[in-house]
C-alpha atoms as a PDB file:
ATOM      1  CA  MET A   1     -19.794  12.098  -8.258  1.00  0.00           C
ATOM      2  CA  SER A   2     -17.626  13.172  -4.889  1.00  0.00           C
ATOM      3  CA  LEU A   3     -17.307  10.531  -1.832  1.00  0.00           C
ATOM      4  CA  THR A   4     -16.269  13.404   0.054  1.00  0.00           C
ATOM      5  CA  MET A   5     -18.502  14.263   2.958  1.00  0.00           C
ATOM      6  CA  THR A   6     -19.531  18.140   3.474  1.00  0.00           C
ATOM      7  CA  SER A   7     -18.463  19.337   6.884  1.00  0.00           C
ATOM      8  CA  GLU A   8     -21.754  18.557   8.526  1.00  0.00           C
ATOM      9  CA  GLU A   9     -21.733  14.903   7.636  1.00  0.00           C
ATOM     10  CA  ARG A  10     -18.210  14.636   8.713  1.00  0.00           C
ATOM     11  CA  GLU A  11     -18.946  15.848  12.134  1.00  0.00           C
ATOM     12  CA  GLN A  12     -21.745  13.704  12.752  1.00  0.00           C
ATOM     13  CA  PHE A  13     -20.331  10.683  11.512  1.00  0.00           C
ATOM     14  CA  LEU A  14     -17.282  11.354  13.893  1.00  0.00           C
ATOM     15  CA  ALA A  15     -19.613  12.210  17.056  1.00  0.00           C
ATOM     16  CA  GLY A  16     -21.383   8.443  16.590  1.00  0.00           C
ATOM     17  CA  VAL A  17     -19.642   5.586  18.300  1.00  0.00           C
ATOM     18  CA  HIS A  18     -16.905   4.177  16.709  1.00  0.00           C
ATOM     19  CA  VAL A  19     -13.739   2.434  17.895  1.00  0.00           C
ATOM     20  CA  GLY A  20     -11.396   5.003  15.868  1.00  0.00           C
ATOM     21  CA  VAL A  21      -7.354   4.229  15.088  1.00  0.00           C
ATOM     22  CA  LEU A  22      -5.148   6.789  16.646  1.00  0.00           C
ATOM     23  CA  SER A  23      -1.954   7.505  14.692  1.00  0.00           C
ATOM     24  CA  VAL A  24       1.046   9.323  15.692  1.00  0.00           C
ATOM     25  CA  ALA A  25       4.527   9.592  15.138  1.00  0.00           C
ATOM     26  CA  SER A  26       7.050   7.648  17.739  1.00  0.00           C
ATOM     27  CA  GLU A  27       8.772   9.588  19.812  1.00  0.00           C
ATOM     28  CA  HIS A  28      11.908   7.756  18.735  1.00  0.00           C
ATOM     29  CA  GLY A  29      11.504   7.880  14.767  1.00  0.00           C
ATOM     30  CA  VAL A  30      10.914   3.958  14.360  1.00  0.00           C
ATOM     31  CA  GLY A  31       7.879   4.472  12.240  1.00  0.00           C
ATOM     32  CA  THR A  32       4.171   5.371  13.509  1.00  0.00           C
ATOM     33  CA  LEU A  33       2.606   4.072  16.067  1.00  0.00           C
ATOM     34  CA  ALA A  34      -1.329   2.673  15.377  1.00  0.00           C
ATOM     35  CA  VAL A  35      -3.651   1.960  18.405  1.00  0.00           C
ATOM     36  CA  PRO A  36      -7.551   1.387  18.376  1.00  0.00           C
ATOM     37  CA  VAL A  37      -8.978   3.696  21.147  1.00  0.00           C
ATOM     38  CA  TRP A  38     -12.773   4.906  22.801  1.00  0.00           C
ATOM     39  CA  TYR A  39     -12.699   8.804  21.786  1.00  0.00           C
ATOM     40  CA  SER A  40     -15.563  11.374  22.788  1.00  0.00           C
ATOM     41  CA  TYR A  41     -16.179  13.902  20.106  1.00  0.00           C
ATOM     42  CA  GLN A  42     -19.066  16.942  19.472  1.00  0.00           C
ATOM     43  CA  PRO A  43     -19.219  18.771  16.585  1.00  0.00           C
ATOM     44  CA  GLY A  44     -17.400  21.686  16.674  1.00  0.00           C
ATOM     45  CA  GLY A  45     -15.203  20.805  19.311  1.00  0.00           C
ATOM     46  CA  PRO A  46     -12.076  18.500  20.411  1.00  0.00           C
ATOM     47  CA  VAL A  47     -11.431  14.943  19.751  1.00  0.00           C
ATOM     48  CA  SER A  48     -10.758  13.638  23.180  1.00  0.00           C
ATOM     49  CA  VAL A  49      -8.672  10.354  24.296  1.00  0.00           C
ATOM     50  CA  ILE A  50      -7.981   9.402  27.701  1.00  0.00           C
ATOM     51  CA  THR A  51      -4.828   6.775  27.963  1.00  0.00           C
ATOM     52  CA  GLY A  52      -2.511   5.871  31.146  1.00  0.00           C
ATOM     53  CA  GLY A  53      -0.220   8.878  30.916  1.00  0.00           C
ATOM     54  CA  SER A  54       3.012   6.538  31.265  1.00  0.00           C
ATOM     55  CA  THR A  55       1.893   4.675  27.892  1.00  0.00           C
ATOM     56  CA  ARG A  56       3.793   4.838  24.769  1.00  0.00           C
ATOM     57  CA  LYS A  57       1.028   5.964  23.282  1.00  0.00           C
ATOM     58  CA  ALA A  58       0.842   9.290  25.391  1.00  0.00           C
ATOM     59  CA  ALA A  59       4.761   9.590  25.118  1.00  0.00           C
ATOM     60  CA  ALA A  60       4.573   9.846  21.583  1.00  0.00           C
ATOM     61  CA  ILE A  61       1.893  12.275  21.518  1.00  0.00           C
ATOM     62  CA  ARG A  62       3.608  14.455  23.624  1.00  0.00           C
ATOM     63  CA  ALA A  63       6.896  14.008  21.878  1.00  0.00           C
ATOM     64  CA  THR A  64       4.932  15.167  18.608  1.00  0.00           C
ATOM     65  CA  GLY A  65       1.800  17.179  19.933  1.00  0.00           C
ATOM     66  CA  ARG A  66      -0.392  16.171  17.462  1.00  0.00           C
ATOM     67  CA  PHE A  67      -2.342  12.720  16.559  1.00  0.00           C
ATOM     68  CA  SER A  68      -4.597  11.590  13.780  1.00  0.00           C
ATOM     69  CA  LEU A  69      -7.676   9.519  14.064  1.00  0.00           C
ATOM     70  CA  CYS A  70      -9.600   7.373  11.499  1.00  0.00           C
ATOM     71  CA  ALA A  71     -13.315   6.210  12.311  1.00  0.00           C
ATOM     72  CA  GLN A  72     -14.678   4.024   9.800  1.00  0.00           C
ATOM     73  CA  ASP A  73     -18.119   1.890   9.246  1.00  0.00           C
ATOM     74  CA  GLU A  74     -16.954  -1.452   8.648  1.00  0.00           C
ATOM     75  CA  ARG A  75     -20.194  -2.505   6.902  1.00  0.00           C
ATOM     76  CA  PRO A  76     -21.091  -1.352   3.235  1.00  0.00           C
ATOM     77  CA  PRO A  77     -21.191   1.039   1.870  1.00  0.00           C
ATOM     78  CA  TYR A  78     -18.313   1.883   3.756  1.00  0.00           C
ATOM     79  CA  ARG A  79     -17.849   5.214   5.300  1.00  0.00           C
ATOM     80  CA  TYR A  80     -14.764   6.995   7.144  1.00  0.00           C
ATOM     81  CA  VAL A  81     -13.596   9.984   8.518  1.00  0.00           C
ATOM     82  CA  THR A  82      -9.921  10.656   9.187  1.00  0.00           C
ATOM     83  CA  VAL A  83      -9.542  14.154  11.057  1.00  0.00           C
ATOM     84  CA  GLU A  84      -5.727  15.685  12.410  1.00  0.00           C
ATOM     85  CA  GLY A  85      -4.819  18.396  14.530  1.00  0.00           C
ATOM     86  CA  PRO A  86      -2.189  19.757  17.673  1.00  0.00           C
ATOM     87  CA  VAL A  87      -3.340  18.499  21.379  1.00  0.00           C
ATOM     88  CA  THR A  88      -3.349  19.910  24.941  1.00  0.00           C
ATOM     89  CA  VAL A  89      -3.266  17.664  27.710  1.00  0.00           C
ATOM     90  CA  GLU A  90      -4.669  17.680  31.244  1.00  0.00           C
ATOM     91  CA  GLU A  91      -5.529  15.258  33.804  1.00  0.00           C
ATOM     92  CA  ALA A  92      -8.542  13.166  32.981  1.00  0.00           C
ATOM     93  CA  ARG A  93     -11.259  13.729  35.559  1.00  0.00           C
ATOM     94  CA  HIS A  94     -13.221  10.641  36.800  1.00  0.00           C
ATOM     95  CA  ASP A  95     -16.828  12.361  35.463  1.00  0.00           C
ATOM     96  CA  GLU A  96     -14.407  12.529  31.896  1.00  0.00           C
ATOM     97  CA  ARG A  97     -13.512   9.028  32.185  1.00  0.00           C
ATOM     98  CA  LEU A  98     -16.950   7.534  33.596  1.00  0.00           C
ATOM     99  CA  ALA A  99     -18.398   9.396  30.510  1.00  0.00           C
ATOM    100  CA  LEU A 100     -16.415   8.012  27.858  1.00  0.00           C
ATOM    101  CA  ALA A 101     -16.546   4.414  29.088  1.00  0.00           C
ATOM    102  CA  ARG A 102     -20.248   4.184  29.251  1.00  0.00           C
ATOM    103  CA  ARG A 103     -20.459   5.615  25.888  1.00  0.00           C
ATOM    104  CA  TYR A 104     -18.999   2.261  24.372  1.00  0.00           C
ATOM    105  CA  LEU A 105     -19.923  -0.164  27.351  1.00  0.00           C
ATOM    106  CA  GLY A 106     -23.444   1.328  28.605  1.00  0.00           C
ATOM    107  CA  ARG A 107     -24.060   2.289  32.330  1.00  0.00           C
ATOM    108  CA  GLU A 108     -22.874  -1.334  33.851  1.00  0.00           C
ATOM    109  CA  GLY A 109     -20.346  -2.142  32.060  1.00  0.00           C
ATOM    110  CA  GLY A 110     -19.068   1.183  31.370  1.00  0.00           C
ATOM    111  CA  ASP A 111     -19.080   2.065  35.650  1.00  0.00           C
ATOM    112  CA  ALA A 112     -17.498  -1.680  36.147  1.00  0.00           C
ATOM    113  CA  TYR A 113     -14.414  -0.596  33.925  1.00  0.00           C
ATOM    114  CA  VAL A 114     -13.893   2.811  35.566  1.00  0.00           C
ATOM    115  CA  SER A 115     -14.325   1.188  39.128  1.00  0.00           C
ATOM    116  CA  ALA A 116     -11.524  -1.742  37.932  1.00  0.00           C
ATOM    117  CA  ILE A 117      -9.100   1.094  36.401  1.00  0.00           C
ATOM    118  CA  PRO A 118      -7.202   2.907  38.686  1.00  0.00           C
ATOM    119  CA  THR A 119      -8.034   6.474  38.897  1.00  0.00           C
ATOM    120  CA  GLY A 120      -4.529   7.993  39.088  1.00  0.00           C
ATOM    121  CA  GLY A 121      -2.279   8.692  36.311  1.00  0.00           C
ATOM    122  CA  GLN A 122      -5.168   9.020  33.145  1.00  0.00           C
ATOM    123  CA  VAL A 123      -4.582  11.922  31.253  1.00  0.00           C
ATOM    124  CA  VAL A 124      -6.580  13.222  28.108  1.00  0.00           C
ATOM    125  CA  PHE A 125      -5.693  14.018  24.922  1.00  0.00           C
ATOM    126  CA  ARG A 126      -7.603  17.404  23.514  1.00  0.00           C
ATOM    127  CA  MET A 127      -7.401  17.461  19.721  1.00  0.00           C
ATOM    128  CA  THR A 128      -8.295  20.193  17.669  1.00  0.00           C
ATOM    129  CA  PRO A 129      -9.322  19.346  14.199  1.00  0.00           C
ATOM    130  CA  GLU A 130      -7.557  20.553  11.323  1.00  0.00           C
ATOM    131  CA  ARG A 131      -7.070  18.265   8.795  1.00  0.00           C
ATOM    132  CA  TRP A 132      -9.758  15.982   6.985  1.00  0.00           C
ATOM    133  CA  LEU A 133      -9.785  13.343   5.171  1.00  0.00           C
ATOM    134  CA  THR A 134     -13.241  11.254   4.565  1.00  0.00           C
ATOM    135  CA  ALA A 135     -15.235   9.273   1.931  1.00  0.00           C
ATOM    136  CA  ASP A 136     -19.084   7.992   1.909  1.00  0.00           C
ATOM    137  CA  TYR A 137     -19.598   5.699  -0.532  1.00  0.00           C
ATOM    138  CA  SER A 138     -23.204   5.654  -0.066  1.00  0.00           C
ATOM    139  CA  LYS A 139     -23.047   8.266  -2.318  1.00  0.00           C
ATOM    140  CA  VAL A 140     -22.338   6.543  -4.925  1.00  0.00           C
ATOM    141  CA  TYR A 141     -23.470   2.956  -4.376  1.00  0.00           C
ATOM    142  CA  GLY A 142     -26.306   3.439  -1.529  1.00  0.00           C
END
């Protein structure tokens, strides 16, 4: 039996609320940078990550023009989706920052978070999914 998710299963899983792990080659060639991130995704669309424009993460993504993201369910039976692809970058809009913060922290927490983080200098990287890697152990152990 295959553990691989179907296209629909992987897209629905990725659209769920998970803290993702973003991985990108270092801009200085000293290895891979892997950091936890909030992200947003709707099936068929890009994976969006918002971060400070002057962070190490942003510099590495700009240098390579792509990143990968892994989202997982840590509860047995384990499931994960990894997706990788090229990116575009633009200034992050306030409404987009607020929606992402509310996705992870709820309305009150998200509003407080966005109010506490300066608006300027935030960018959104939009990754177009090209390659997927998935596993759903519930197909065997569920």
